Amino acid sequence: MKRQIVLVASLVAGLLAALMTRMYISSKEDYIHALKTKFNREYGEMEALCFNRTVGAGEVITAEIITTCKTYRKGNEGVVLTKENISDVVGRRTVGYHEKMMPLRWNDLEGGDLRESRLSEDVRAHYRAVSISVNGPASVSGMVRPGDSVDVIGTFDFPDDDGKIRRGDPVTCTILQKVLVLATGSETSKSRPAPRGGMGSMRQQQGYSTVTLSVTPREAEMLAFAEQIRGRLVLTLRNRNDMETEEELPTVNFTTIRKEIEDLNRERNPTDRRRAAKKKEGAL
C-alpha cells in the first residue's frame, strides 16, 4: 500500500513538474515572440538597391549592374535607395569604391540627393567636409571640379631640432591621397551648370579660391594645422578610376632634388632605363 502511495505521489509530482515546465516554456515563448515582434517592428527588413558587382569610383551606373538586397529598415529608411529610385540612379556616377551587394545610399552618388540642396547630404558617413584655400595653379589652373579625385601636397618651413623655423629651407610632402572634391567655391555637383562649350563659359566656371574636400576627422585636423602654419597646399588631379596610392613617398627638399633628379627623369624615359640597366650589368 505504501509503495502504491509513493508511486502515485511521484506520478503527481512528475505531472506537476511537467506542467510547470510547460508553463515556463510557454511564458518564454511568449516573451521571445514579443521580442521578435518588437525587433521586426523596429528593425524589420526592407529591399534596397545595390550593385551586383564591385564598382569603382566615378563609374557610370547602368541598369545591368543594379540589383536588390535586404537590409534593416531602422536607420536606413529614407536613406538607402529602393526600386522607386532606379530612374534617379541610372546614368549617375559613383562616389568612391563600392562593394558588391552593399545597400546604395544617396551620398554614394555624385551629386547626392538632387532633391536636397545642402552639401551635408553629400558627406558620407564618418567623413567631414573641409575647405582649403587655393589659387589657380594650386587647383590645376582651376580645372579641378566637384566629383574629381585629388592628392593634397603641402610645402612647409619645418622647425629645426631647437624648434626654430628656418625660412628659405622648405620641405614638400604628400599629405593625403585619393581625396574626393565635394565643391569648388560654392559650386557642387548639384549646382554645377551643364557645359555649353566655349572658352567664355570655361573661364566663368574657374573662378574660385577654395576647394571643399571629403576627409576623415583626423585628416581634417591635419589640413587645418597645415593652413594655420601658412603652409602652401597644392592639389594634383587624379583619374577618378585610379584607386591605387603610392607608398613611402619621401619628403622633398633641395638636397633630395639634387640626389634624385637624374633618377626621376630616367624613370620617365624607357630608353634611359634600359641604358642604365645595361650599364649596371656591365659593371657587374
C-alpha atoms as a PDB file:
ATOM      1  CA  MET A   1       0.000   0.000   0.000  1.00  0.00           C
ATOM      2  CA  LYS A   2       2.770   2.402   0.939  1.00  0.00           C
ATOM      3  CA  ARG A   3       4.534   1.576  -2.305  1.00  0.00           C
ATOM      4  CA  GLN A   4       1.410   2.483  -4.283  1.00  0.00           C
ATOM      5  CA  ILE A   5       1.037   5.749  -2.375  1.00  0.00           C
ATOM      6  CA  VAL A   6       4.679   6.633  -3.114  1.00  0.00           C
ATOM      7  CA  LEU A   7       4.192   5.730  -6.786  1.00  0.00           C
ATOM      8  CA  VAL A   8       1.055   7.885  -7.061  1.00  0.00           C
ATOM      9  CA  ALA A   9       2.786  10.769  -5.256  1.00  0.00           C
ATOM     10  CA  SER A  10       5.766  10.509  -7.622  1.00  0.00           C
ATOM     11  CA  LEU A  11       3.470  10.463 -10.614  1.00  0.00           C
ATOM     12  CA  VAL A  12       1.590  13.526  -9.380  1.00  0.00           C
ATOM     13  CA  ALA A  13       4.871  15.344  -8.661  1.00  0.00           C
ATOM     14  CA  GLY A  14       6.111  14.472 -12.156  1.00  0.00           C
ATOM     15  CA  LEU A  15       2.918  15.762 -13.738  1.00  0.00           C
ATOM     16  CA  LEU A  16       3.129  18.978 -11.702  1.00  0.00           C
ATOM     17  CA  ALA A  17       6.783  19.434 -12.727  1.00  0.00           C
ATOM     18  CA  ALA A  18       5.914  18.820 -16.366  1.00  0.00           C
ATOM     19  CA  LEU A  19       3.009  21.268 -16.135  1.00  0.00           C
ATOM     20  CA  MET A  20       5.184  23.943 -14.517  1.00  0.00           C
ATOM     21  CA  THR A  21       7.922  23.366 -17.111  1.00  0.00           C
ATOM     22  CA  ARG A  22       5.412  23.718 -19.898  1.00  0.00           C
ATOM     23  CA  MET A  23       4.054  26.915 -18.354  1.00  0.00           C
ATOM     24  CA  TYR A  24       7.601  28.263 -18.033  1.00  0.00           C
ATOM     25  CA  ILE A  25       8.457  27.390 -21.636  1.00  0.00           C
ATOM     26  CA  SER A  26       5.170  28.890 -22.814  1.00  0.00           C
ATOM     27  CA  SER A  27       5.913  32.137 -20.988  1.00  0.00           C
ATOM     28  CA  LYS A  28       9.381  32.234 -22.546  1.00  0.00           C
ATOM     29  CA  GLU A  29       7.925  31.569 -25.977  1.00  0.00           C
ATOM     30  CA  ASP A  30       5.544  34.470 -25.488  1.00  0.00           C
ATOM     31  CA  TYR A  31       8.465  36.639 -24.378  1.00  0.00           C
ATOM     32  CA  ILE A  32      10.570  35.628 -27.389  1.00  0.00           C
ATOM     33  CA  HIS A  33       7.611  36.225 -29.699  1.00  0.00           C
ATOM     34  CA  ALA A  34       7.166  39.698 -28.196  1.00  0.00           C
ATOM     35  CA  LEU A  35      10.874  40.415 -28.718  1.00  0.00           C
ATOM     36  CA  LYS A  36      10.682  39.238 -32.326  1.00  0.00           C
ATOM     37  CA  THR A  37       7.630  41.412 -32.917  1.00  0.00           C
ATOM     38  CA  LYS A  38       9.380  44.427 -31.424  1.00  0.00           C
ATOM     39  CA  PHE A  39      12.586  43.702 -33.387  1.00  0.00           C
ATOM     40  CA  ASN A  40      10.708  43.330 -36.673  1.00  0.00           C
ATOM     41  CA  ARG A  41       8.778  46.490 -35.951  1.00  0.00           C
ATOM     42  CA  GLU A  42      11.953  48.490 -35.268  1.00  0.00           C
ATOM     43  CA  TYR A  43      14.497  46.700 -37.449  1.00  0.00           C
ATOM     44  CA  GLY A  44      12.317  44.943 -39.997  1.00  0.00           C
ATOM     45  CA  GLU A  45      13.855  44.187 -43.365  1.00  0.00           C
ATOM     46  CA  MET A  46      13.443  46.334 -46.419  1.00  0.00           C
ATOM     47  CA  GLU A  47      14.542  45.922 -50.017  1.00  0.00           C
ATOM     48  CA  ALA A  48      17.306  48.262 -51.153  1.00  0.00           C
ATOM     49  CA  LEU A  49      19.203  48.897 -54.353  1.00  0.00           C
ATOM     50  CA  CYS A  50      22.743  47.568 -54.555  1.00  0.00           C
ATOM     51  CA  PHE A  51      25.324  46.615 -57.175  1.00  0.00           C
ATOM     52  CA  ASN A  52      25.700  43.043 -58.399  1.00  0.00           C
ATOM     53  CA  ARG A  53      29.470  43.535 -58.604  1.00  0.00           C
ATOM     54  CA  THR A  54      32.175  45.730 -57.139  1.00  0.00           C
ATOM     55  CA  VAL A  55      32.056  49.241 -58.618  1.00  0.00           C
ATOM     56  CA  GLY A  56      34.938  51.708 -58.764  1.00  0.00           C
ATOM     57  CA  ALA A  57      34.926  55.453 -58.199  1.00  0.00           C
ATOM     58  CA  GLY A  58      33.449  57.597 -60.947  1.00  0.00           C
ATOM     59  CA  GLU A  59      31.857  54.679 -62.785  1.00  0.00           C
ATOM     60  CA  VAL A  60      28.670  55.419 -64.726  1.00  0.00           C
ATOM     61  CA  ILE A  61      25.794  53.367 -63.296  1.00  0.00           C
ATOM     62  CA  THR A  62      23.806  51.235 -65.733  1.00  0.00           C
ATOM     63  CA  ALA A  63      20.679  49.164 -65.178  1.00  0.00           C
ATOM     64  CA  GLU A  64      22.709  45.979 -65.809  1.00  0.00           C
ATOM     65  CA  ILE A  65      24.784  46.374 -62.647  1.00  0.00           C
ATOM     66  CA  ILE A  66      21.854  47.208 -60.347  1.00  0.00           C
ATOM     67  CA  THR A  67      20.070  44.577 -58.265  1.00  0.00           C
ATOM     68  CA  THR A  68      18.264  44.479 -54.910  1.00  0.00           C
ATOM     69  CA  CYS A  69      19.337  43.265 -51.484  1.00  0.00           C
ATOM     70  CA  LYS A  70      17.868  43.041 -47.979  1.00  0.00           C
ATOM     71  CA  THR A  71      18.803  45.460 -45.205  1.00  0.00           C
ATOM     72  CA  TYR A  72      17.408  46.604 -41.851  1.00  0.00           C
ATOM     73  CA  ARG A  73      14.654  49.176 -42.047  1.00  0.00           C
ATOM     74  CA  LYS A  74      15.664  51.128 -38.944  1.00  0.00           C
ATOM     75  CA  GLY A  75      18.261  53.779 -39.773  1.00  0.00           C
ATOM     76  CA  ASN A  76      18.051  53.011 -43.488  1.00  0.00           C
ATOM     77  CA  GLU A  77      14.513  54.000 -44.417  1.00  0.00           C
ATOM     78  CA  GLY A  78      14.694  57.183 -46.469  1.00  0.00           C
ATOM     79  CA  VAL A  79      18.490  56.882 -46.622  1.00  0.00           C
ATOM     80  CA  VAL A  80      19.158  53.847 -48.800  1.00  0.00           C
ATOM     81  CA  LEU A  81      17.761  53.768 -52.299  1.00  0.00           C
ATOM     82  CA  THR A  82      14.893  51.497 -53.327  1.00  0.00           C
ATOM     83  CA  LYS A  83      13.321  50.314 -56.589  1.00  0.00           C
ATOM     84  CA  GLU A  84      11.428  53.596 -56.830  1.00  0.00           C
ATOM     85  CA  ASN A  85      14.788  55.382 -57.193  1.00  0.00           C
ATOM     86  CA  ILE A  86      16.153  53.393 -60.157  1.00  0.00           C
ATOM     87  CA  SER A  87      15.432  56.224 -62.581  1.00  0.00           C
ATOM     88  CA  ASP A  88      17.354  58.599 -60.260  1.00  0.00           C
ATOM     89  CA  VAL A  89      20.372  56.279 -60.251  1.00  0.00           C
ATOM     90  CA  VAL A  90      20.917  55.130 -63.843  1.00  0.00           C
ATOM     91  CA  GLY A  91      23.313  57.436 -65.664  1.00  0.00           C
ATOM     92  CA  ARG A  92      24.831  58.885 -62.486  1.00  0.00           C
ATOM     93  CA  ARG A  93      28.439  58.326 -61.374  1.00  0.00           C
ATOM     94  CA  THR A  94      29.549  56.645 -58.163  1.00  0.00           C
ATOM     95  CA  VAL A  95      31.481  58.362 -55.411  1.00  0.00           C
ATOM     96  CA  GLY A  96      34.342  56.211 -54.177  1.00  0.00           C
ATOM     97  CA  TYR A  97      34.727  52.444 -54.178  1.00  0.00           C
ATOM     98  CA  HIS A  98      31.521  50.459 -53.623  1.00  0.00           C
ATOM     99  CA  GLU A  99      31.420  46.794 -52.628  1.00  0.00           C
ATOM    100  CA  LYS A 100      29.146  44.193 -54.165  1.00  0.00           C
ATOM    101  CA  MET A 101      25.699  43.781 -52.504  1.00  0.00           C
ATOM    102  CA  MET A 102      26.124  46.775 -50.190  1.00  0.00           C
ATOM    103  CA  PRO A 103      22.992  48.977 -49.938  1.00  0.00           C
ATOM    104  CA  LEU A 104      23.259  52.075 -52.102  1.00  0.00           C
ATOM    105  CA  ARG A 105      22.788  55.471 -50.441  1.00  0.00           C
ATOM    106  CA  TRP A 106      22.311  58.936 -51.870  1.00  0.00           C
ATOM    107  CA  ASN A 107      25.809  60.012 -50.829  1.00  0.00           C
ATOM    108  CA  ASP A 108      27.259  57.130 -52.844  1.00  0.00           C
ATOM    109  CA  LEU A 109      26.182  59.027 -55.972  1.00  0.00           C
ATOM    110  CA  GLU A 110      27.912  62.035 -57.445  1.00  0.00           C
ATOM    111  CA  GLY A 111      25.704  64.983 -56.576  1.00  0.00           C
ATOM    112  CA  GLY A 112      23.879  63.081 -53.825  1.00  0.00           C
ATOM    113  CA  ASP A 113      20.140  63.558 -53.483  1.00  0.00           C
ATOM    114  CA  LEU A 114      19.222  66.073 -56.179  1.00  0.00           C
ATOM    115  CA  ARG A 115      16.128  66.978 -54.176  1.00  0.00           C
ATOM    116  CA  GLU A 116      18.371  68.319 -51.394  1.00  0.00           C
ATOM    117  CA  SER A 117      20.472  71.437 -51.927  1.00  0.00           C
ATOM    118  CA  ARG A 118      22.507  71.148 -48.712  1.00  0.00           C
ATOM    119  CA  LEU A 119      26.108  69.994 -49.003  1.00  0.00           C
ATOM    120  CA  SER A 120      25.728  67.952 -45.815  1.00  0.00           C
ATOM    121  CA  GLU A 121      23.599  65.486 -47.774  1.00  0.00           C
ATOM    122  CA  ASP A 122      26.653  64.673 -49.927  1.00  0.00           C
ATOM    123  CA  VAL A 123      29.007  63.979 -46.998  1.00  0.00           C
ATOM    124  CA  ARG A 124      29.446  60.251 -46.481  1.00  0.00           C
ATOM    125  CA  ALA A 125      29.041  58.679 -43.041  1.00  0.00           C
ATOM    126  CA  HIS A 126      32.129  59.050 -40.795  1.00  0.00           C
ATOM    127  CA  TYR A 127      33.558  61.752 -43.094  1.00  0.00           C
ATOM    128  CA  ARG A 128      33.691  65.534 -42.876  1.00  0.00           C
ATOM    129  CA  ALA A 129      33.675  68.371 -45.406  1.00  0.00           C
ATOM    130  CA  VAL A 130      36.565  70.816 -45.025  1.00  0.00           C
ATOM    131  CA  SER A 131      37.536  73.743 -47.251  1.00  0.00           C
ATOM    132  CA  ILE A 132      41.100  74.784 -48.053  1.00  0.00           C
ATOM    133  CA  SER A 133      42.344  77.915 -49.770  1.00  0.00           C
ATOM    134  CA  VAL A 134      43.738  77.502 -53.278  1.00  0.00           C
ATOM    135  CA  ASN A 135      44.626  79.740 -56.174  1.00  0.00           C
ATOM    136  CA  GLY A 136      44.585  78.888 -59.870  1.00  0.00           C
ATOM    137  CA  PRO A 137      47.854  76.928 -60.128  1.00  0.00           C
ATOM    138  CA  ALA A 138      47.227  75.144 -56.819  1.00  0.00           C
ATOM    139  CA  SER A 139      43.964  73.762 -58.209  1.00  0.00           C
ATOM    140  CA  VAL A 140      45.433  72.614 -61.564  1.00  0.00           C
ATOM    141  CA  SER A 141      44.743  76.001 -63.161  1.00  0.00           C
ATOM    142  CA  GLY A 142      41.210  75.998 -61.796  1.00  0.00           C
ATOM    143  CA  MET A 143      40.254  72.821 -63.645  1.00  0.00           C
ATOM    144  CA  VAL A 144      39.527  70.759 -60.526  1.00  0.00           C
ATOM    145  CA  ARG A 145      35.766  70.191 -60.442  1.00  0.00           C
ATOM    146  CA  PRO A 146      33.280  68.754 -57.908  1.00  0.00           C
ATOM    147  CA  GLY A 147      33.412  64.965 -58.041  1.00  0.00           C
ATOM    148  CA  ASP A 148      37.090  64.850 -59.026  1.00  0.00           C
ATOM    149  CA  SER A 149      39.696  62.894 -57.081  1.00  0.00           C
ATOM    150  CA  VAL A 150      42.882  64.669 -55.982  1.00  0.00           C
ATOM    151  CA  ASP A 151      46.038  64.305 -53.923  1.00  0.00           C
ATOM    152  CA  VAL A 152      46.996  67.081 -51.490  1.00  0.00           C
ATOM    153  CA  ILE A 153      50.636  68.178 -51.387  1.00  0.00           C
ATOM    154  CA  GLY A 154      51.978  70.608 -48.808  1.00  0.00           C
ATOM    155  CA  THR A 155      55.118  72.739 -48.651  1.00  0.00           C
ATOM    156  CA  PHE A 156      56.208  73.953 -45.218  1.00  0.00           C
ATOM    157  CA  ASP A 157      59.050  75.589 -43.344  1.00  0.00           C
ATOM    158  CA  PHE A 158      59.588  72.972 -40.651  1.00  0.00           C
ATOM    159  CA  PRO A 159      61.298  73.814 -37.365  1.00  0.00           C
ATOM    160  CA  ASP A 160      64.799  72.515 -36.658  1.00  0.00           C
ATOM    161  CA  ASP A 161      65.808  70.488 -33.592  1.00  0.00           C
ATOM    162  CA  ASP A 162      65.794  73.665 -31.492  1.00  0.00           C
ATOM    163  CA  GLY A 163      62.220  74.466 -32.528  1.00  0.00           C
ATOM    164  CA  LYS A 164      63.187  77.420 -34.719  1.00  0.00           C
ATOM    165  CA  ILE A 165      61.545  77.897 -38.121  1.00  0.00           C
ATOM    166  CA  ARG A 166      64.200  78.050 -40.832  1.00  0.00           C
ATOM    167  CA  ARG A 167      62.794  80.236 -43.589  1.00  0.00           C
ATOM    168  CA  GLY A 168      64.028  79.542 -47.081  1.00  0.00           C
ATOM    169  CA  ASP A 169      64.593  75.814 -46.489  1.00  0.00           C
ATOM    170  CA  PRO A 170      61.123  74.383 -47.194  1.00  0.00           C
ATOM    171  CA  VAL A 171      60.079  70.747 -47.221  1.00  0.00           C
ATOM    172  CA  THR A 172      57.390  69.327 -49.521  1.00  0.00           C
ATOM    173  CA  CYS A 173      55.409  66.153 -48.847  1.00  0.00           C
ATOM    174  CA  THR A 174      52.204  64.454 -49.919  1.00  0.00           C
ATOM    175  CA  ILE A 175      49.683  64.848 -47.104  1.00  0.00           C
ATOM    176  CA  LEU A 176      46.672  62.947 -48.472  1.00  0.00           C
ATOM    177  CA  GLN A 177      45.983  60.758 -51.485  1.00  0.00           C
ATOM    178  CA  LYS A 178      42.769  59.941 -53.337  1.00  0.00           C
ATOM    179  CA  VAL A 179      40.565  62.661 -51.841  1.00  0.00           C
ATOM    180  CA  LEU A 180      37.077  63.402 -53.162  1.00  0.00           C
ATOM    181  CA  VAL A 181      36.300  67.013 -54.122  1.00  0.00           C
ATOM    182  CA  LEU A 182      32.836  67.983 -52.844  1.00  0.00           C
ATOM    183  CA  ALA A 183      32.805  71.597 -54.018  1.00  0.00           C
ATOM    184  CA  THR A 184      34.889  74.256 -55.746  1.00  0.00           C
ATOM    185  CA  GLY A 185      33.984  77.615 -54.289  1.00  0.00           C
ATOM    186  CA  SER A 186      30.210  77.427 -53.823  1.00  0.00           C
ATOM    187  CA  GLU A 187      29.732  75.072 -56.762  1.00  0.00           C
ATOM    188  CA  THR A 188      28.803  71.447 -56.032  1.00  0.00           C
ATOM    189  CA  SER A 189      27.896  68.527 -58.265  1.00  0.00           C
ATOM    190  CA  LYS A 190      24.248  69.575 -57.858  1.00  0.00           C
ATOM    191  CA  SER A 191      24.715  73.233 -58.700  1.00  0.00           C
ATOM    192  CA  ARG A 192      27.300  72.747 -61.460  1.00  0.00           C
ATOM    193  CA  PRO A 193      25.805  74.002 -64.718  1.00  0.00           C
ATOM    194  CA  ALA A 194      25.871  71.835 -67.805  1.00  0.00           C
ATOM    195  CA  PRO A 195      28.841  72.834 -70.014  1.00  0.00           C
ATOM    196  CA  ARG A 196      27.822  74.864 -73.019  1.00  0.00           C
ATOM    197  CA  GLY A 197      31.197  74.967 -74.689  1.00  0.00           C
ATOM    198  CA  GLY A 198      33.362  77.936 -75.481  1.00  0.00           C
ATOM    199  CA  MET A 199      36.226  79.456 -73.527  1.00  0.00           C
ATOM    200  CA  GLY A 200      33.994  82.103 -72.000  1.00  0.00           C
ATOM    201  CA  SER A 201      31.941  79.565 -70.069  1.00  0.00           C
ATOM    202  CA  MET A 202      35.123  77.756 -69.011  1.00  0.00           C
ATOM    203  CA  ARG A 203      36.627  80.922 -67.525  1.00  0.00           C
ATOM    204  CA  GLN A 204      33.403  81.651 -65.705  1.00  0.00           C
ATOM    205  CA  GLN A 205      33.465  78.231 -64.036  1.00  0.00           C
ATOM    206  CA  GLN A 206      37.100  78.599 -62.908  1.00  0.00           C
ATOM    207  CA  GLY A 207      36.525  81.486 -60.512  1.00  0.00           C
ATOM    208  CA  TYR A 208      37.013  80.002 -57.062  1.00  0.00           C
ATOM    209  CA  SER A 209      39.515  80.408 -54.260  1.00  0.00           C
ATOM    210  CA  THR A 210      38.523  77.459 -52.043  1.00  0.00           C
ATOM    211  CA  VAL A 211      38.074  73.743 -52.582  1.00  0.00           C
ATOM    212  CA  THR A 212      35.967  71.600 -50.240  1.00  0.00           C
ATOM    213  CA  LEU A 213      37.241  68.071 -49.669  1.00  0.00           C
ATOM    214  CA  SER A 214      35.721  64.917 -48.159  1.00  0.00           C
ATOM    215  CA  VAL A 215      38.068  63.770 -45.376  1.00  0.00           C
ATOM    216  CA  THR A 216      38.102  61.904 -42.090  1.00  0.00           C
ATOM    217  CA  PRO A 217      38.156  63.901 -38.824  1.00  0.00           C
ATOM    218  CA  ARG A 218      41.901  63.186 -38.370  1.00  0.00           C
ATOM    219  CA  GLU A 219      42.637  64.303 -41.922  1.00  0.00           C
ATOM    220  CA  ALA A 220      40.619  67.471 -41.316  1.00  0.00           C
ATOM    221  CA  GLU A 221      42.849  68.265 -38.331  1.00  0.00           C
ATOM    222  CA  MET A 222      45.984  67.882 -40.444  1.00  0.00           C
ATOM    223  CA  LEU A 223      44.667  70.173 -43.155  1.00  0.00           C
ATOM    224  CA  ALA A 224      43.559  72.774 -40.592  1.00  0.00           C
ATOM    225  CA  PHE A 225      47.001  72.712 -38.988  1.00  0.00           C
ATOM    226  CA  ALA A 226      48.748  72.924 -42.368  1.00  0.00           C
ATOM    227  CA  GLU A 227      46.838  76.091 -43.214  1.00  0.00           C
ATOM    228  CA  GLN A 228      47.343  77.515 -39.728  1.00  0.00           C
ATOM    229  CA  ILE A 229      51.133  77.389 -40.093  1.00  0.00           C
ATOM    230  CA  ARG A 230      50.776  79.018 -43.510  1.00  0.00           C
ATOM    231  CA  GLY A 231      51.876  76.039 -45.489  1.00  0.00           C
ATOM    232  CA  ARG A 232      51.250  76.116 -49.223  1.00  0.00           C
ATOM    233  CA  LEU A 233      48.803  73.428 -50.320  1.00  0.00           C
ATOM    234  CA  VAL A 234      48.647  72.169 -53.905  1.00  0.00           C
ATOM    235  CA  LEU A 235      46.171  69.741 -55.468  1.00  0.00           C
ATOM    236  CA  THR A 236      47.178  67.174 -58.076  1.00  0.00           C
ATOM    237  CA  LEU A 237      44.364  65.805 -60.217  1.00  0.00           C
ATOM    238  CA  ARG A 238      43.875  62.031 -60.447  1.00  0.00           C
ATOM    239  CA  ASN A 239      41.908  59.804 -62.775  1.00  0.00           C
ATOM    240  CA  ARG A 240      38.722  59.006 -60.851  1.00  0.00           C
ATOM    241  CA  ASN A 241      39.099  55.297 -61.622  1.00  0.00           C
ATOM    242  CA  ASP A 242      42.667  55.187 -60.264  1.00  0.00           C
ATOM    243  CA  MET A 243      42.282  53.551 -56.841  1.00  0.00           C
ATOM    244  CA  GLU A 244      45.980  52.970 -56.139  1.00  0.00           C
ATOM    245  CA  THR A 245      48.062  55.006 -53.718  1.00  0.00           C
ATOM    246  CA  GLU A 246      51.829  55.419 -53.574  1.00  0.00           C
ATOM    247  CA  GLU A 247      53.584  54.010 -50.517  1.00  0.00           C
ATOM    248  CA  GLU A 248      56.579  55.516 -48.715  1.00  0.00           C
ATOM    249  CA  LEU A 249      56.583  58.791 -50.614  1.00  0.00           C
ATOM    250  CA  PRO A 250      59.643  60.752 -49.431  1.00  0.00           C
ATOM    251  CA  THR A 251      59.655  64.348 -48.281  1.00  0.00           C
ATOM    252  CA  VAL A 252      61.377  66.641 -50.752  1.00  0.00           C
ATOM    253  CA  ASN A 253      63.853  69.442 -50.111  1.00  0.00           C
ATOM    254  CA  PHE A 254      66.796  70.906 -52.036  1.00  0.00           C
ATOM    255  CA  THR A 255      69.067  68.010 -51.041  1.00  0.00           C
ATOM    256  CA  THR A 256      66.521  65.425 -52.187  1.00  0.00           C
ATOM    257  CA  ILE A 257      66.101  67.143 -55.538  1.00  0.00           C
ATOM    258  CA  ARG A 258      69.855  67.179 -56.161  1.00  0.00           C
ATOM    259  CA  LYS A 259      70.118  63.475 -55.350  1.00  0.00           C
ATOM    260  CA  GLU A 260      67.072  62.193 -57.202  1.00  0.00           C
ATOM    261  CA  ILE A 261      66.554  64.454 -60.214  1.00  0.00           C
ATOM    262  CA  GLU A 262      68.521  62.175 -62.546  1.00  0.00           C
ATOM    263  CA  ASP A 263      66.734  59.053 -61.329  1.00  0.00           C
ATOM    264  CA  LEU A 264      63.332  60.703 -61.696  1.00  0.00           C
ATOM    265  CA  ASN A 265      63.995  61.717 -65.287  1.00  0.00           C
ATOM    266  CA  ARG A 266      65.403  58.291 -66.071  1.00  0.00           C
ATOM    267  CA  GLU A 267      62.222  56.678 -64.788  1.00  0.00           C
ATOM    268  CA  ARG A 268      60.192  58.803 -67.201  1.00  0.00           C
ATOM    269  CA  ASN A 269      62.230  57.627 -70.213  1.00  0.00           C
ATOM    270  CA  PRO A 270      62.175  53.873 -71.024  1.00  0.00           C
ATOM    271  CA  THR A 271      65.297  54.224 -73.208  1.00  0.00           C
ATOM    272  CA  ASP A 272      67.280  55.715 -70.346  1.00  0.00           C
ATOM    273  CA  ARG A 273      66.050  52.941 -68.015  1.00  0.00           C
ATOM    274  CA  ARG A 274      67.270  50.240 -70.378  1.00  0.00           C
ATOM    275  CA  ARG A 275      70.604  52.020 -70.857  1.00  0.00           C
ATOM    276  CA  ALA A 276      71.083  52.312 -67.098  1.00  0.00           C
ATOM    277  CA  ALA A 277      70.231  48.616 -66.627  1.00  0.00           C
ATOM    278  CA  LYS A 278      72.792  47.578 -69.269  1.00  0.00           C
ATOM    279  CA  LYS A 279      75.402  49.833 -67.695  1.00  0.00           C
ATOM    280  CA  LYS A 280      74.755  48.231 -64.321  1.00  0.00           C
ATOM    281  CA  GLU A 281      75.025  44.722 -65.793  1.00  0.00           C
ATOM    282  CA  GLY A 282      78.354  45.642 -67.428  1.00  0.00           C
ATOM    283  CA  ALA A 283      79.712  46.937 -64.136  1.00  0.00           C
ATOM    284  CA  LEU A 284      78.887  43.607 -62.503  1.00  0.00           C
END
